[in-house]
Amino acid sequence: VLIVGEGAGDSALIKYLCDARSISGYQIEDAGGVSRFGSYLKGLPARPGYRKLRGLVVVGDCDDQPEASFQKISKEMKKAGVPHPD
């Protein structure tokens, strides 16, 4: 299972929480910013081990505007051609 954070800080927090709770089995990376989610996700099929991927979790922060942040991430996922929430 791959967890992709919006940025390095988001990914670091997720890694810390997993380590603190002894949760393993997840690969944690960051997309490099909300505007890069689309290209990051589009590139996943070219990566070694992609076919073994059992799940994908996309994480972003709300930046004081939860609805707008949600819509931005959903739009990036749609551009990448992956299932996305409305």
N, C-alpha and C. Protein backbone atom coordinates (compact mmCIF):
# COMPACT_ATOMS: atom_id res chain seq x y z
N VAL A 1 0.86 -1.17 0.00
CA VAL A 1 0.00 0.00 0.00
C VAL A 1 0.90 1.24 0.00
N LEU A 2 0.60 2.15 -0.90
CA LEU A 2 1.37 3.38 -1.03
C LEU A 2 0.56 4.54 -0.47
N ILE A 3 1.17 5.32 0.41
CA ILE A 3 0.57 6.54 0.93
C ILE A 3 1.35 7.70 0.34
N VAL A 4 0.66 8.60 -0.36
CA VAL A 4 1.30 9.74 -1.00
C VAL A 4 0.82 11.01 -0.31
N GLY A 5 1.74 11.70 0.34
CA GLY A 5 1.41 12.97 0.97
C GLY A 5 1.56 14.10 -0.02
N GLU A 6 0.86 15.17 0.25
CA GLU A 6 0.93 16.36 -0.62
C GLU A 6 2.36 16.87 -0.72
N GLY A 7 3.02 16.97 0.40
CA GLY A 7 4.39 17.47 0.43
C GLY A 7 5.23 16.70 1.43
N ALA A 8 6.47 17.13 1.58
CA ALA A 8 7.41 16.44 2.46
C ALA A 8 6.94 16.46 3.92
N GLY A 9 6.35 17.56 4.36
CA GLY A 9 5.87 17.65 5.74
C GLY A 9 4.74 16.68 6.02
N ASP A 10 3.81 16.56 5.08
CA ASP A 10 2.70 15.62 5.23
C ASP A 10 3.22 14.19 5.32
N SER A 11 4.14 13.86 4.44
CA SER A 11 4.70 12.50 4.41
C SER A 11 5.50 12.22 5.67
N ALA A 12 6.23 13.21 6.15
CA ALA A 12 7.00 13.03 7.39
C ALA A 12 6.07 12.78 8.58
N LEU A 13 4.95 13.48 8.64
CA LEU A 13 3.99 13.28 9.72
C LEU A 13 3.41 11.87 9.66
N ILE A 14 3.03 11.41 8.48
CA ILE A 14 2.48 10.07 8.33
C ILE A 14 3.50 9.03 8.74
N LYS A 15 4.74 9.20 8.31
CA LYS A 15 5.80 8.27 8.68
C LYS A 15 5.99 8.26 10.20
N TYR A 16 6.01 9.43 10.81
CA TYR A 16 6.16 9.52 12.26
C TYR A 16 5.02 8.77 12.97
N LEU A 17 3.78 9.01 12.54
CA LEU A 17 2.64 8.36 13.17
C LEU A 17 2.70 6.84 13.01
N CYS A 18 3.08 6.37 11.83
CA CYS A 18 3.22 4.92 11.62
C CYS A 18 4.32 4.35 12.51
N ASP A 19 5.46 5.04 12.60
CA ASP A 19 6.55 4.57 13.45
C ASP A 19 6.14 4.57 14.92
N ALA A 20 5.49 5.64 15.36
CA ALA A 20 5.09 5.77 16.76
C ALA A 20 4.09 4.70 17.17
N ARG A 21 3.26 4.26 16.23
CA ARG A 21 2.23 3.25 16.52
C ARG A 21 2.63 1.86 16.05
N SER A 22 3.89 1.72 15.61
CA SER A 22 4.41 0.44 15.11
C SER A 22 3.54 -0.13 14.00
N ILE A 23 3.14 0.75 13.08
CA ILE A 23 2.36 0.35 11.92
C ILE A 23 3.33 0.18 10.75
N SER A 24 3.34 -1.00 10.16
CA SER A 24 4.28 -1.25 9.06
C SER A 24 3.52 -1.73 7.83
N GLY A 25 4.25 -1.90 6.75
CA GLY A 25 3.66 -2.41 5.52
C GLY A 25 3.21 -1.34 4.54
N TYR A 26 3.56 -0.10 4.83
CA TYR A 26 3.18 1.01 3.97
C TYR A 26 4.42 1.67 3.40
N GLN A 27 4.35 2.06 2.15
CA GLN A 27 5.40 2.86 1.54
C GLN A 27 4.88 4.29 1.54
N ILE A 28 5.70 5.22 2.06
CA ILE A 28 5.25 6.60 2.21
C ILE A 28 6.13 7.51 1.37
N GLU A 29 5.50 8.29 0.50
CA GLU A 29 6.21 9.22 -0.37
C GLU A 29 5.46 10.54 -0.42
N ASP A 30 6.08 11.53 -1.06
CA ASP A 30 5.36 12.80 -1.23
C ASP A 30 5.33 13.17 -2.70
N ALA A 31 4.26 13.88 -3.08
CA ALA A 31 4.04 14.25 -4.47
C ALA A 31 4.78 15.53 -4.85
N GLY A 32 5.24 16.28 -3.87
CA GLY A 32 5.94 17.53 -4.18
C GLY A 32 5.02 18.74 -4.28
N GLY A 33 3.82 18.61 -3.74
CA GLY A 33 2.86 19.73 -3.78
C GLY A 33 1.57 19.30 -4.44
N VAL A 34 0.50 20.00 -4.09
CA VAL A 34 -0.83 19.62 -4.58
C VAL A 34 -0.91 19.66 -6.10
N SER A 35 -0.24 20.60 -6.72
CA SER A 35 -0.29 20.72 -8.18
C SER A 35 0.50 19.62 -8.89
N ARG A 36 1.22 18.82 -8.14
CA ARG A 36 2.01 17.74 -8.73
C ARG A 36 1.40 16.36 -8.53
N PHE A 37 0.29 16.28 -7.82
CA PHE A 37 -0.36 14.98 -7.62
C PHE A 37 -0.66 14.31 -8.95
N GLY A 38 -1.20 15.05 -9.92
CA GLY A 38 -1.57 14.47 -11.20
C GLY A 38 -0.40 13.81 -11.91
N SER A 39 0.70 14.53 -12.06
CA SER A 39 1.85 13.95 -12.75
C SER A 39 2.48 12.82 -11.94
N TYR A 40 2.47 12.94 -10.62
CA TYR A 40 3.01 11.87 -9.77
C TYR A 40 2.20 10.59 -9.99
N LEU A 41 0.88 10.71 -9.94
CA LEU A 41 0.02 9.54 -10.09
C LEU A 41 0.09 8.97 -11.50
N LYS A 42 0.20 9.83 -12.51
CA LYS A 42 0.33 9.34 -13.89
C LYS A 42 1.59 8.51 -14.08
N GLY A 43 2.65 8.85 -13.33
CA GLY A 43 3.91 8.14 -13.47
C GLY A 43 3.99 6.81 -12.73
N LEU A 44 3.03 6.52 -11.89
CA LEU A 44 3.08 5.28 -11.10
C LEU A 44 3.16 4.01 -11.95
N PRO A 45 2.39 3.87 -13.03
CA PRO A 45 2.45 2.62 -13.79
C PRO A 45 3.83 2.30 -14.37
N ALA A 46 4.67 3.28 -14.54
CA ALA A 46 6.00 3.05 -15.10
C ALA A 46 7.00 2.58 -14.04
N ARG A 47 6.62 2.59 -12.80
CA ARG A 47 7.54 2.24 -11.72
C ARG A 47 7.59 0.74 -11.49
N PRO A 48 8.78 0.23 -11.14
CA PRO A 48 8.88 -1.20 -10.81
C PRO A 48 7.97 -1.53 -9.62
N GLY A 49 7.32 -2.65 -9.68
CA GLY A 49 6.45 -3.09 -8.59
C GLY A 49 5.05 -2.53 -8.63
N TYR A 50 4.74 -1.73 -9.64
CA TYR A 50 3.41 -1.11 -9.71
C TYR A 50 2.30 -2.16 -9.68
N ARG A 51 2.49 -3.25 -10.38
CA ARG A 51 1.45 -4.28 -10.46
C ARG A 51 1.19 -4.95 -9.11
N LYS A 52 2.13 -4.81 -8.19
CA LYS A 52 1.95 -5.39 -6.86
C LYS A 52 1.24 -4.43 -5.91
N LEU A 53 1.01 -3.22 -6.36
CA LEU A 53 0.36 -2.21 -5.52
C LEU A 53 -1.06 -2.65 -5.18
N ARG A 54 -1.35 -2.74 -3.88
CA ARG A 54 -2.66 -3.21 -3.43
C ARG A 54 -3.59 -2.06 -3.06
N GLY A 55 -3.04 -0.90 -2.83
CA GLY A 55 -3.87 0.23 -2.45
C GLY A 55 -3.10 1.52 -2.54
N LEU A 56 -3.83 2.61 -2.66
CA LEU A 56 -3.24 3.94 -2.76
C LEU A 56 -4.03 4.88 -1.86
N VAL A 57 -3.31 5.59 -1.00
CA VAL A 57 -3.92 6.58 -0.12
C VAL A 57 -3.29 7.93 -0.47
N VAL A 58 -4.12 8.91 -0.78
CA VAL A 58 -3.64 10.25 -1.12
C VAL A 58 -4.00 11.18 0.04
N VAL A 59 -3.00 11.90 0.56
CA VAL A 59 -3.21 12.74 1.74
C VAL A 59 -2.77 14.17 1.45
N GLY A 60 -3.63 15.11 1.78
CA GLY A 60 -3.30 16.53 1.65
C GLY A 60 -3.80 17.28 2.86
N ASP A 61 -3.29 18.46 3.07
CA ASP A 61 -3.78 19.27 4.19
C ASP A 61 -4.78 20.29 3.66
N CYS A 62 -5.53 20.89 4.58
CA CYS A 62 -6.64 21.76 4.14
C CYS A 62 -6.22 23.21 3.92
N ASP A 63 -5.08 23.63 4.42
CA ASP A 63 -4.62 25.01 4.21
C ASP A 63 -5.70 26.04 4.53
N ASP A 64 -6.48 25.81 5.59
CA ASP A 64 -7.55 26.71 6.03
C ASP A 64 -8.74 26.79 5.08
N GLN A 65 -8.73 26.01 4.01
CA GLN A 65 -9.85 25.97 3.07
C GLN A 65 -10.11 24.51 2.68
N PRO A 66 -10.74 23.75 3.58
CA PRO A 66 -10.89 22.32 3.32
C PRO A 66 -11.57 21.96 2.01
N GLU A 67 -12.65 22.63 1.66
CA GLU A 67 -13.37 22.31 0.43
C GLU A 67 -12.52 22.58 -0.81
N ALA A 68 -11.83 23.72 -0.82
CA ALA A 68 -10.98 24.08 -1.97
C ALA A 68 -9.82 23.09 -2.10
N SER A 69 -9.22 22.71 -0.98
CA SER A 69 -8.12 21.75 -1.01
C SER A 69 -8.58 20.40 -1.53
N PHE A 70 -9.74 19.96 -1.05
CA PHE A 70 -10.32 18.70 -1.50
C PHE A 70 -10.55 18.72 -3.01
N GLN A 71 -11.12 19.81 -3.51
CA GLN A 71 -11.40 19.93 -4.94
C GLN A 71 -10.11 19.92 -5.77
N LYS A 72 -9.07 20.58 -5.29
CA LYS A 72 -7.78 20.60 -6.01
C LYS A 72 -7.21 19.19 -6.13
N ILE A 73 -7.22 18.46 -5.03
CA ILE A 73 -6.67 17.11 -5.04
C ILE A 73 -7.53 16.19 -5.93
N SER A 74 -8.84 16.31 -5.82
CA SER A 74 -9.73 15.51 -6.66
C SER A 74 -9.49 15.80 -8.14
N LYS A 75 -9.30 17.06 -8.48
CA LYS A 75 -9.03 17.46 -9.87
C LYS A 75 -7.72 16.84 -10.37
N GLU A 76 -6.69 16.84 -9.52
CA GLU A 76 -5.41 16.25 -9.90
C GLU A 76 -5.54 14.74 -10.11
N MET A 77 -6.32 14.09 -9.26
CA MET A 77 -6.54 12.65 -9.40
C MET A 77 -7.29 12.36 -10.70
N LYS A 78 -8.27 13.19 -11.01
CA LYS A 78 -9.03 13.01 -12.24
C LYS A 78 -8.12 13.17 -13.45
N LYS A 79 -7.23 14.18 -13.43
CA LYS A 79 -6.28 14.37 -14.54
C LYS A 79 -5.40 13.16 -14.74
N ALA A 80 -5.08 12.47 -13.64
CA ALA A 80 -4.21 11.29 -13.71
C ALA A 80 -4.96 10.05 -14.17
N GLY A 81 -6.29 10.14 -14.23
CA GLY A 81 -7.07 9.00 -14.68
C GLY A 81 -7.25 7.92 -13.62
N VAL A 82 -7.14 8.29 -12.35
CA VAL A 82 -7.35 7.32 -11.28
C VAL A 82 -8.70 7.61 -10.63
N PRO A 83 -9.29 6.61 -9.97
CA PRO A 83 -10.55 6.86 -9.27
C PRO A 83 -10.39 8.03 -8.31
N HIS A 84 -11.39 8.88 -8.26
CA HIS A 84 -11.30 10.07 -7.44
C HIS A 84 -12.65 10.38 -6.78
N PRO A 85 -12.61 10.97 -5.62
CA PRO A 85 -13.87 11.32 -4.95
C PRO A 85 -14.45 12.59 -5.55
N ASP A 86 -15.74 12.73 -5.50
CA ASP A 86 -16.40 13.93 -5.95
C ASP A 86 -16.66 14.83 -4.78
